[in-house]
PDB file of all heavy atoms in Angstrom:
ATOM      1  N   GLU A   1      86.380  76.912  89.680  1.00  0.00           N
ATOM      2  CA  GLU A   1      87.022  77.510  88.507  1.00  0.00           C
ATOM      3  C   GLU A   1      86.394  76.996  87.217  1.00  0.00           C
ATOM      4  O   GLU A   1      86.247  77.740  86.247  1.00  0.00           O
ATOM      5  CB  GLU A   1      88.524  77.200  88.521  1.00  0.00           C
ATOM      6  CG  GLU A   1      89.291  77.846  89.669  1.00  0.00           C
ATOM      7  CD  GLU A   1      89.358  79.358  89.562  1.00  0.00           C
ATOM      8  OE1 GLU A   1      88.989  79.896  88.498  1.00  0.00           O
ATOM      9  OE2 GLU A   1      89.761  80.002  90.557  1.00  0.00           O
ATOM     10  N   GLU A   2      85.990  75.731  87.211  1.00  0.00           N
ATOM     11  CA  GLU A   2      85.330  75.171  86.033  1.00  0.00           C
ATOM     12  C   GLU A   2      83.999  75.866  85.776  1.00  0.00           C
ATOM     13  O   GLU A   2      83.625  76.123  84.627  1.00  0.00           O
ATOM     14  CB  GLU A   2      85.121  73.676  86.212  1.00  0.00           C
ATOM     15  CG  GLU A   2      86.393  72.845  86.139  1.00  0.00           C
ATOM     16  CD  GLU A   2      86.128  71.357  86.369  1.00  0.00           C
ATOM     17  OE1 GLU A   2      84.925  70.986  86.426  1.00  0.00           O
ATOM     18  OE2 GLU A   2      87.092  70.585  86.490  1.00  0.00           O
ATOM     19  N   ILE A   3      83.277  76.146  86.858  1.00  0.00           N
ATOM     20  CA  ILE A   3      82.003  76.860  86.698  1.00  0.00           C
ATOM     21  C   ILE A   3      82.258  78.246  86.127  1.00  0.00           C
ATOM     22  O   ILE A   3      81.574  78.696  85.191  1.00  0.00           O
ATOM     23  CB  ILE A   3      81.269  76.958  88.052  1.00  0.00           C
ATOM     24  CG1 ILE A   3      80.849  75.566  88.534  1.00  0.00           C
ATOM     25  CG2 ILE A   3      80.042  77.868  87.933  1.00  0.00           C
ATOM     26  CD1 ILE A   3      80.297  75.551  89.946  1.00  0.00           C
ATOM     27  N   LEU A   4      83.253  78.956  86.660  1.00  0.00           N
ATOM     28  CA  LEU A   4      83.583  80.293  86.164  1.00  0.00           C
ATOM     29  C   LEU A   4      83.972  80.256  84.693  1.00  0.00           C
ATOM     30  O   LEU A   4      83.566  81.118  83.899  1.00  0.00           O
ATOM     31  CB  LEU A   4      84.711  80.902  86.994  1.00  0.00           C
ATOM     32  CG  LEU A   4      84.335  81.437  88.381  1.00  0.00           C
ATOM     33  CD1 LEU A   4      85.586  81.803  89.170  1.00  0.00           C
ATOM     34  CD2 LEU A   4      83.412  82.645  88.254  1.00  0.00           C
ATOM     35  N   ASP A   5      84.758  79.277  84.316  1.00  0.00           N
ATOM     36  CA  ASP A   5      85.203  79.163  82.931  1.00  0.00           C
ATOM     37  C   ASP A   5      84.042  78.895  81.981  1.00  0.00           C
ATOM     38  O   ASP A   5      84.097  79.280  80.804  1.00  0.00           O
ATOM     39  CB  ASP A   5      86.241  78.046  82.794  1.00  0.00           C
ATOM     40  CG  ASP A   5      87.557  78.394  83.473  1.00  0.00           C
ATOM     41  OD1 ASP A   5      87.795  79.596  83.726  1.00  0.00           O
ATOM     42  OD2 ASP A   5      88.332  77.461  83.770  1.00  0.00           O
ATOM     43  N   ARG A   6      83.002  78.239  82.473  1.00  0.00           N
ATOM     44  CA  ARG A   6      81.878  77.893  81.608  1.00  0.00           C
ATOM     45  C   ARG A   6      80.866  79.037  81.480  1.00  0.00           C
ATOM     46  O   ARG A   6      80.015  79.017  80.582  1.00  0.00           O
ATOM     47  CB  ARG A   6      81.180  76.640  82.164  1.00  0.00           C
ATOM     48  CG  ARG A   6      80.116  76.090  81.233  1.00  0.00           C
ATOM     49  CD  ARG A   6      79.554  74.772  81.720  1.00  0.00           C
ATOM     50  NE  ARG A   6      78.355  74.401  80.994  1.00  0.00           N
ATOM     51  CZ  ARG A   6      77.627  73.330  81.225  1.00  0.00           C
ATOM     52  NH1 ARG A   6      77.992  72.486  82.175  1.00  0.00           N
ATOM     53  NH2 ARG A   6      76.530  73.076  80.521  1.00  0.00           N
ATOM     54  N   LEU A   7      80.958  80.043  82.347  1.00  0.00           N
ATOM     55  CA  LEU A   7      80.002  81.150  82.281  1.00  0.00           C
ATOM     56  C   LEU A   7      80.173  81.917  80.975  1.00  0.00           C
ATOM     57  O   LEU A   7      81.297  82.069  80.477  1.00  0.00           O
ATOM     58  CB  LEU A   7      80.211  82.101  83.458  1.00  0.00           C
ATOM     59  CG  LEU A   7      79.908  81.560  84.860  1.00  0.00           C
ATOM     60  CD1 LEU A   7      80.220  82.616  85.912  1.00  0.00           C
ATOM     61  CD2 LEU A   7      78.459  81.109  84.967  1.00  0.00           C
ATOM     62  N   PRO A   8      79.075  82.431  80.388  1.00  0.00           N
ATOM     63  CA  PRO A   8      79.191  83.239  79.162  1.00  0.00           C
ATOM     64  C   PRO A   8      80.112  84.435  79.394  1.00  0.00           C
ATOM     65  O   PRO A   8      80.035  85.100  80.431  1.00  0.00           O
ATOM     66  CB  PRO A   8      77.743  83.689  78.905  1.00  0.00           C
ATOM     67  CG  PRO A   8      76.896  82.665  79.596  1.00  0.00           C
ATOM     68  CD  PRO A   8      77.674  82.237  80.801  1.00  0.00           C
ATOM     69  N   THR A   9      80.977  84.714  78.449  1.00  0.00           N
ATOM     70  CA  THR A   9      81.962  85.784  78.630  1.00  0.00           C
ATOM     71  C   THR A   9      81.319  87.158  78.755  1.00  0.00           C
ATOM     72  O   THR A   9      81.859  88.040  79.415  1.00  0.00           O
ATOM     73  CB  THR A   9      82.941  85.796  77.441  1.00  0.00           C
ATOM     74  OG1 THR A   9      82.194  85.893  76.211  1.00  0.00           O
ATOM     75  CG2 THR A   9      83.772  84.519  77.423  1.00  0.00           C
ATOM     76  N   ARG A  10      80.160  87.333  78.127  1.00  0.00           N
ATOM     77  CA  ARG A  10      79.489  88.628  78.177  1.00  0.00           C
ATOM     78  C   ARG A  10      78.839  88.896  79.525  1.00  0.00           C
ATOM     79  O   ARG A  10      78.449  90.018  79.830  1.00  0.00           O
ATOM     80  CB  ARG A  10      78.380  88.687  77.120  1.00  0.00           C
ATOM     81  CG  ARG A  10      77.345  87.572  77.309  1.00  0.00           C
ATOM     82  CD  ARG A  10      75.952  87.906  76.817  1.00  0.00           C
ATOM     83  NE  ARG A  10      75.026  86.852  77.195  1.00  0.00           N
ATOM     84  CZ  ARG A  10      74.364  86.823  78.329  1.00  0.00           C
ATOM     85  NH1 ARG A  10      74.524  87.794  79.211  1.00  0.00           N
ATOM     86  NH2 ARG A  10      73.543  85.817  78.616  1.00  0.00           N
ATOM     87  N   LEU A  11      78.711  87.868  80.354  1.00  0.00           N
ATOM     88  CA  LEU A  11      77.885  87.950  81.550  1.00  0.00           C
ATOM     89  C   LEU A  11      78.684  88.505  82.736  1.00  0.00           C
ATOM     90  O   LEU A  11      79.696  87.923  83.125  1.00  0.00           O
ATOM     91  CB  LEU A  11      77.341  86.562  81.893  1.00  0.00           C
ATOM     92  CG  LEU A  11      76.383  86.446  83.072  1.00  0.00           C
ATOM     93  CD1 LEU A  11      75.122  87.253  82.800  1.00  0.00           C
ATOM     94  CD2 LEU A  11      76.028  84.990  83.329  1.00  0.00           C
ATOM     95  N   PRO A  12      78.244  89.629  83.332  1.00  0.00           N
ATOM     96  CA  PRO A  12      78.895  90.096  84.555  1.00  0.00           C
ATOM     97  C   PRO A  12      78.762  89.041  85.650  1.00  0.00           C
ATOM     98  O   PRO A  12      77.731  88.377  85.759  1.00  0.00           O
ATOM     99  CB  PRO A  12      78.117  91.369  84.909  1.00  0.00           C
ATOM    100  CG  PRO A  12      77.436  91.779  83.645  1.00  0.00           C
ATOM    101  CD  PRO A  12      77.157  90.520  82.907  1.00  0.00           C
ATOM    102  N   ARG A  13      79.805  88.908  86.454  1.00  0.00           N
ATOM    103  CA  ARG A  13      79.740  87.929  87.526  1.00  0.00           C
ATOM    104  C   ARG A  13      80.363  88.489  88.790  1.00  0.00           C
ATOM    105  O   ARG A  13      81.232  89.375  88.745  1.00  0.00           O
ATOM    106  CB  ARG A  13      80.409  86.613  87.122  1.00  0.00           C
ATOM    107  CG  ARG A  13      81.927  86.593  87.030  1.00  0.00           C
ATOM    108  CD  ARG A  13      82.474  87.161  85.729  1.00  0.00           C
ATOM    109  NE  ARG A  13      81.914  86.536  84.537  1.00  0.00           N
ATOM    110  CZ  ARG A  13      82.446  85.461  83.959  1.00  0.00           C
ATOM    111  NH1 ARG A  13      83.523  84.880  84.488  1.00  0.00           N
ATOM    112  NH2 ARG A  13      81.934  84.978  82.855  1.00  0.00           N
ATOM    113  N   LEU A  14      79.904  87.952  89.923  1.00  0.00           N
ATOM    114  CA  LEU A  14      80.467  88.247  91.235  1.00  0.00           C
ATOM    115  C   LEU A  14      80.822  86.929  91.899  1.00  0.00           C
ATOM    116  O   LEU A  14      80.139  85.926  91.703  1.00  0.00           O
ATOM    117  CB  LEU A  14      79.447  88.990  92.117  1.00  0.00           C
ATOM    118  CG  LEU A  14      78.983  90.381  91.693  1.00  0.00           C
ATOM    119  CD1 LEU A  14      77.841  90.829  92.593  1.00  0.00           C
ATOM    120  CD2 LEU A  14      80.130  91.356  91.765  1.00  0.00           C
ATOM    121  N   THR A  15      81.854  86.959  92.696  1.00  0.00           N
ATOM    122  CA  THR A  15      82.179  85.802  93.517  1.00  0.00           C
ATOM    123  C   THR A  15      81.846  86.148  94.965  1.00  0.00           C
ATOM    124  O   THR A  15      82.253  87.204  95.461  1.00  0.00           O
ATOM    125  CB  THR A  15      83.664  85.427  93.406  1.00  0.00           C
ATOM    126  OG1 THR A  15      83.954  85.085  92.047  1.00  0.00           O
ATOM    127  CG2 THR A  15      83.992  84.233  94.289  1.00  0.00           C
ATOM    128  N   VAL A  16      81.078  85.300  95.615  1.00  0.00           N
ATOM    129  CA  VAL A  16      80.728  85.489  97.023  1.00  0.00           C
ATOM    130  C   VAL A  16      81.388  84.397  97.845  1.00  0.00           C
ATOM    131  O   VAL A  16      81.115  83.207  97.639  1.00  0.00           O
ATOM    132  CB  VAL A  16      79.199  85.465  97.227  1.00  0.00           C
ATOM    133  CG1 VAL A  16      78.863  85.362  98.704  1.00  0.00           C
ATOM    134  CG2 VAL A  16      78.574  86.715  96.636  1.00  0.00           C
ATOM    135  N   MET A  17      82.281  84.799  98.707  1.00  0.00           N
ATOM    136  CA  MET A  17      82.905  83.871  99.651  1.00  0.00           C
ATOM    137  C   MET A  17      82.023  83.834 100.895  1.00  0.00           C
ATOM    138  O   MET A  17      82.049  84.749 101.733  1.00  0.00           O
ATOM    139  CB  MET A  17      84.323  84.324  99.986  1.00  0.00           C
ATOM    140  CG  MET A  17      85.225  84.509  98.763  1.00  0.00           C
ATOM    141  SD  MET A  17      85.446  82.995  97.785  1.00  0.00           S
ATOM    142  CE  MET A  17      86.436  82.005  98.927  1.00  0.00           C
ATOM    143  N   ASN A  18      81.197  82.798 100.974  1.00  0.00           N
ATOM    144  CA  ASN A  18      80.197  82.688 102.034  1.00  0.00           C
ATOM    145  C   ASN A  18      80.770  81.937 103.251  1.00  0.00           C
ATOM    146  O   ASN A  18      81.813  81.305 103.176  1.00  0.00           O
ATOM    147  CB  ASN A  18      78.963  81.965 101.485  1.00  0.00           C
ATOM    148  CG  ASN A  18      77.806  81.982 102.443  1.00  0.00           C
ATOM    149  OD1 ASN A  18      77.685  82.881 103.276  1.00  0.00           O
ATOM    150  ND2 ASN A  18      76.960  80.974 102.371  1.00  0.00           N
ATOM    151  N   LYS A  19      80.044  82.028 104.357  1.00  0.00           N
ATOM    152  CA  LYS A  19      80.361  81.324 105.612  1.00  0.00           C
ATOM    153  C   LYS A  19      81.606  81.892 106.303  1.00  0.00           C
ATOM    154  O   LYS A  19      82.393  81.165 106.906  1.00  0.00           O
ATOM    155  CB  LYS A  19      80.528  79.823 105.376  1.00  0.00           C
ATOM    156  CG  LYS A  19      79.324  79.158 104.699  1.00  0.00           C
ATOM    157  CD  LYS A  19      79.491  77.657 104.579  1.00  0.00           C
ATOM    158  CE  LYS A  19      78.325  77.018 103.849  1.00  0.00           C
ATOM    159  NZ  LYS A  19      78.443  75.554 103.747  1.00  0.00           N
ATOM    160  N   ILE A  20      81.763  83.237 106.225  1.00  0.00           N
ATOM    161  CA  ILE A  20      82.905  83.833 106.932  1.00  0.00           C
ATOM    162  C   ILE A  20      82.732  83.740 108.442  1.00  0.00           C
ATOM    163  O   ILE A  20      83.693  83.943 109.181  1.00  0.00           O
ATOM    164  CB  ILE A  20      83.114  85.301 106.519  1.00  0.00           C
ATOM    165  CG1 ILE A  20      81.876  86.159 106.879  1.00  0.00           C
ATOM    166  CG2 ILE A  20      83.447  85.424 105.037  1.00  0.00           C
ATOM    167  CD1 ILE A  20      82.097  87.640 106.699  1.00  0.00           C
ATOM    168  N   ASP A  21      81.495  83.422 108.895  1.00  0.00           N
ATOM    169  CA  ASP A  21      81.295  83.236 110.338  1.00  0.00           C
ATOM    170  C   ASP A  21      82.104  82.041 110.853  1.00  0.00           C
ATOM    171  O   ASP A  21      82.443  81.991 112.045  1.00  0.00           O
ATOM    172  CB  ASP A  21      79.798  83.041 110.639  1.00  0.00           C
ATOM    173  CG  ASP A  21      79.173  81.953 109.781  1.00  0.00           C
ATOM    174  OD1 ASP A  21      79.062  82.164 108.553  1.00  0.00           O
ATOM    175  OD2 ASP A  21      78.813  80.901 110.316  1.00  0.00           O
ATOM    176  N   LEU A  22      82.434  81.097 109.964  1.00  0.00           N
ATOM    177  CA  LEU A  22      83.245  79.949 110.373  1.00  0.00           C
ATOM    178  C   LEU A  22      84.726  80.315 110.457  1.00  0.00           C
ATOM    179  O   LEU A  22      85.520  79.561 111.032  1.00  0.00           O
ATOM    180  CB  LEU A  22      83.068  78.793 109.386  1.00  0.00           C
ATOM    181  CG  LEU A  22      81.632  78.252 109.214  1.00  0.00           C
ATOM    182  CD1 LEU A  22      81.606  77.140 108.186  1.00  0.00           C
ATOM    183  CD2 LEU A  22      81.079  77.779 110.546  1.00  0.00           C
ATOM    184  N   LEU A  23      85.090  81.465 109.876  1.00  0.00           N
ATOM    185  CA  LEU A  23      86.488  81.876 109.853  1.00  0.00           C
ATOM    186  C   LEU A  23      86.779  83.030 110.800  1.00  0.00           C
ATOM    187  O   LEU A  23      87.934  83.440 110.940  1.00  0.00           O
ATOM    188  CB  LEU A  23      86.897  82.302 108.434  1.00  0.00           C
ATOM    189  CG  LEU A  23      86.703  81.277 107.315  1.00  0.00           C
ATOM    190  CD1 LEU A  23      87.059  81.899 105.979  1.00  0.00           C
ATOM    191  CD2 LEU A  23      87.538  80.038 107.568  1.00  0.00           C
ATOM    192  N   ALA A  24      85.734  83.569 111.399  1.00  0.00           N
ATOM    193  CA  ALA A  24      85.876  84.776 112.226  1.00  0.00           C
ATOM    194  C   ALA A  24      86.522  85.901 111.419  1.00  0.00           C
ATOM    195  O   ALA A  24      87.352  86.661 111.922  1.00  0.00           O
ATOM    196  CB  ALA A  24      86.682  84.471 113.490  1.00  0.00           C
ATOM    197  N   ARG A  25      86.106  86.012 110.156  1.00  0.00           N
ATOM    198  CA  ARG A  25      86.644  87.034 109.260  1.00  0.00           C
ATOM    199  C   ARG A  25      85.628  88.145 109.075  1.00  0.00           C
ATOM    200  O   ARG A  25      84.416  87.906 109.029  1.00  0.00           O
ATOM    201  CB  ARG A  25      87.018  86.406 107.911  1.00  0.00           C
ATOM    202  CG  ARG A  25      87.487  87.434 106.895  1.00  0.00           C
ATOM    203  CD  ARG A  25      87.717  86.850 105.545  1.00  0.00           C
ATOM    204  NE  ARG A  25      87.955  87.934 104.586  1.00  0.00           N
ATOM    205  CZ  ARG A  25      89.020  88.024 103.810  1.00  0.00           C
ATOM    206  NH1 ARG A  25      89.961  87.105 103.874  1.00  0.00           N
ATOM    207  NH2 ARG A  25      89.152  89.026 102.967  1.00  0.00           N
ATOM    208  N   ALA A  26      86.091  89.385 108.907  1.00  0.00           N
ATOM    209  CA  ALA A  26      85.212  90.529 108.713  1.00  0.00           C
ATOM    210  C   ALA A  26      84.700  90.551 107.270  1.00  0.00           C
ATOM    211  O   ALA A  26      85.394  90.098 106.347  1.00  0.00           O
ATOM    212  CB  ALA A  26      85.946  91.819 109.025  1.00  0.00           C
ATOM    213  N   PRO A  27      83.506  91.075 107.055  1.00  0.00           N
ATOM    214  CA  PRO A  27      82.994  91.218 105.692  1.00  0.00           C
ATOM    215  C   PRO A  27      83.903  92.151 104.891  1.00  0.00           C
ATOM    216  O   PRO A  27      84.532  93.060 105.437  1.00  0.00           O
ATOM    217  CB  PRO A  27      81.602  91.830 105.874  1.00  0.00           C
ATOM    218  CG  PRO A  27      81.272  91.646 107.308  1.00  0.00           C
ATOM    219  CD  PRO A  27      82.543  91.563 108.062  1.00  0.00           C
ATOM    220  N   ALA A  28      83.937  91.948 103.599  1.00  0.00           N
ATOM    221  CA  ALA A  28      84.780  92.790 102.742  1.00  0.00           C
ATOM    222  C   ALA A  28      84.284  92.731 101.306  1.00  0.00           C
ATOM    223  O   ALA A  28      83.658  91.753 100.879  1.00  0.00           O
ATOM    224  CB  ALA A  28      86.237  92.333 102.808  1.00  0.00           C
ATOM    225  N   LEU A  29      84.558  93.804 100.558  1.00  0.00           N
ATOM    226  CA  LEU A  29      84.282  93.863  99.119  1.00  0.00           C
ATOM    227  C   LEU A  29      85.604  94.150  98.420  1.00  0.00           C
ATOM    228  O   LEU A  29      86.206  95.212  98.606  1.00  0.00           O
ATOM    229  CB  LEU A  29      83.262  94.958  98.798  1.00  0.00           C
ATOM    230  CG  LEU A  29      83.054  95.305  97.317  1.00  0.00           C
ATOM    231  CD1 LEU A  29      82.683  94.075  96.508  1.00  0.00           C
ATOM    232  CD2 LEU A  29      82.001  96.397  97.162  1.00  0.00           C
ATOM    233  N   GLU A  30      86.071  93.191  97.646  1.00  0.00           N
ATOM    234  CA  GLU A  30      87.319  93.329  96.913  1.00  0.00           C
ATOM    235  C   GLU A  30      87.004  93.558  95.439  1.00  0.00           C
ATOM    236  O   GLU A  30      86.408  92.703  94.785  1.00  0.00           O
ATOM    237  CB  GLU A  30      88.178  92.068  97.078  1.00  0.00           C
ATOM    238  CG  GLU A  30      88.550  91.771  98.525  1.00  0.00           C
ATOM    239  CD  GLU A  30      89.238  90.416  98.664  1.00  0.00           C
ATOM    240  OE1 GLU A  30      89.294  89.669  97.662  1.00  0.00           O
ATOM    241  OE2 GLU A  30      89.696  90.107  99.782  1.00  0.00           O
ATOM    242  N   ARG A  31      87.370  94.722  94.938  1.00  0.00           N
ATOM    243  CA  ARG A  31      87.113  95.056  93.543  1.00  0.00           C
ATOM    244  C   ARG A  31      88.333  94.707  92.705  1.00  0.00           C
ATOM    245  O   ARG A  31      89.432  95.185  92.975  1.00  0.00           O
ATOM    246  CB  ARG A  31      86.767  96.536  93.402  1.00  0.00           C
ATOM    247  CG  ARG A  31      85.458  96.934  94.057  1.00  0.00           C
ATOM    248  CD  ARG A  31      85.195  98.420  93.863  1.00  0.00           C
ATOM    249  NE  ARG A  31      83.896  98.828  94.372  1.00  0.00           N
ATOM    250  CZ  ARG A  31      83.675  99.199  95.627  1.00  0.00           C
ATOM    251  NH1 ARG A  31      84.686  99.193  96.498  1.00  0.00           N
ATOM    252  NH2 ARG A  31      82.470  99.568  96.022  1.00  0.00           N
ATOM    253  N   ARG A  32      88.102  93.896  91.696  1.00  0.00           N
ATOM    254  CA  ARG A  32      89.162  93.536  90.769  1.00  0.00           C
ATOM    255  C   ARG A  32      88.687  93.803  89.349  1.00  0.00           C
ATOM    256  O   ARG A  32      87.489  93.942  89.104  1.00  0.00           O
ATOM    257  CB  ARG A  32      89.534  92.060  90.939  1.00  0.00           C
ATOM    258  CG  ARG A  32      90.137  91.744  92.306  1.00  0.00           C
ATOM    259  CD  ARG A  32      90.296  90.261  92.510  1.00  0.00           C
ATOM    260  NE  ARG A  32      90.853  89.961  93.831  1.00  0.00           N
ATOM    261  CZ  ARG A  32      90.780  88.790  94.413  1.00  0.00           C
ATOM    262  NH1 ARG A  32      90.167  87.799  93.804  1.00  0.00           N
ATOM    263  NH2 ARG A  32      91.309  88.598  95.609  1.00  0.00           N
ATOM    264  N   LYS A  33      89.634  93.844  88.450  1.00  0.00           N
ATOM    265  CA  LYS A  33      89.293  94.196  87.072  1.00  0.00           C
ATOM    266  C   LYS A  33      88.354  93.176  86.453  1.00  0.00           C
ATOM    267  O   LYS A  33      87.394  93.520  85.758  1.00  0.00           O
ATOM    268  CB  LYS A  33      90.574  94.309  86.243  1.00  0.00           C
ATOM    269  CG  LYS A  33      90.330  94.820  84.830  1.00  0.00           C
ATOM    270  CD  LYS A  33      91.625  95.046  84.095  1.00  0.00           C
ATOM    271  CE  LYS A  33      91.363  95.602  82.702  1.00  0.00           C
ATOM    272  NZ  LYS A  33      92.631  95.821  81.957  1.00  0.00           N
ATOM    273  N   GLU A  34      88.617  91.895  86.707  1.00  0.00           N
ATOM    274  CA  GLU A  34      87.807  90.864  86.067  1.00  0.00           C
ATOM    275  C   GLU A  34      86.455  90.675  86.751  1.00  0.00           C
ATOM    276  O   GLU A  34      85.435  90.472  86.099  1.00  0.00           O
ATOM    277  CB  GLU A  34      88.569  89.529  86.025  1.00  0.00           C
ATOM    278  CG  GLU A  34      88.894  88.916  87.393  1.00  0.00           C
ATOM    279  CD  GLU A  34      90.124  89.511  88.057  1.00  0.00           C
ATOM    280  OE1 GLU A  34      90.675  90.480  87.494  1.00  0.00           O
ATOM    281  OE2 GLU A  34      90.526  89.009  89.115  1.00  0.00           O
ATOM    282  N   ALA A  35      86.406  90.727  88.076  1.00  0.00           N
ATOM    283  CA  ALA A  35      85.153  90.553  88.821  1.00  0.00           C
ATOM    284  C   ALA A  35      85.405  90.879  90.286  1.00  0.00           C
ATOM    285  O   ALA A  35      86.513  90.679  90.799  1.00  0.00           O
ATOM    286  CB  ALA A  35      84.621  89.132  88.687  1.00  0.00           C
ATOM    287  N   ALA A  36      84.362  91.372  90.946  1.00  0.00           N
ATOM    288  CA  ALA A  36      84.479  91.690  92.370  1.00  0.00           C
ATOM    289  C   ALA A  36      84.242  90.423  93.202  1.00  0.00           C
ATOM    290  O   ALA A  36      83.591  89.478  92.750  1.00  0.00           O
ATOM    291  CB  ALA A  36      83.474  92.767  92.750  1.00  0.00           C
ATOM    292  N   THR A  37      84.789  90.447  94.419  1.00  0.00           N
ATOM    293  CA  THR A  37      84.585  89.356  95.364  1.00  0.00           C
ATOM    294  C   THR A  37      84.042  89.932  96.664  1.00  0.00           C
ATOM    295  O   THR A  37      84.572  90.927  97.178  1.00  0.00           O
ATOM    296  CB  THR A  37      85.899  88.606  95.652  1.00  0.00           C
ATOM    297  OG1 THR A  37      86.386  88.034  94.436  1.00  0.00           O
ATOM    298  CG2 THR A  37      85.679  87.490  96.667  1.00  0.00           C
TER     299      THR A  37
END
């Protein structure tokens, strides 16, 4: 969260939740108003 807060406000950003193979979770794209995950 500190890294996100320090990013320039004008800069588009994405959050990537990596290592889903350790969770046995399916890939997904979550679109949100502030940034996609």
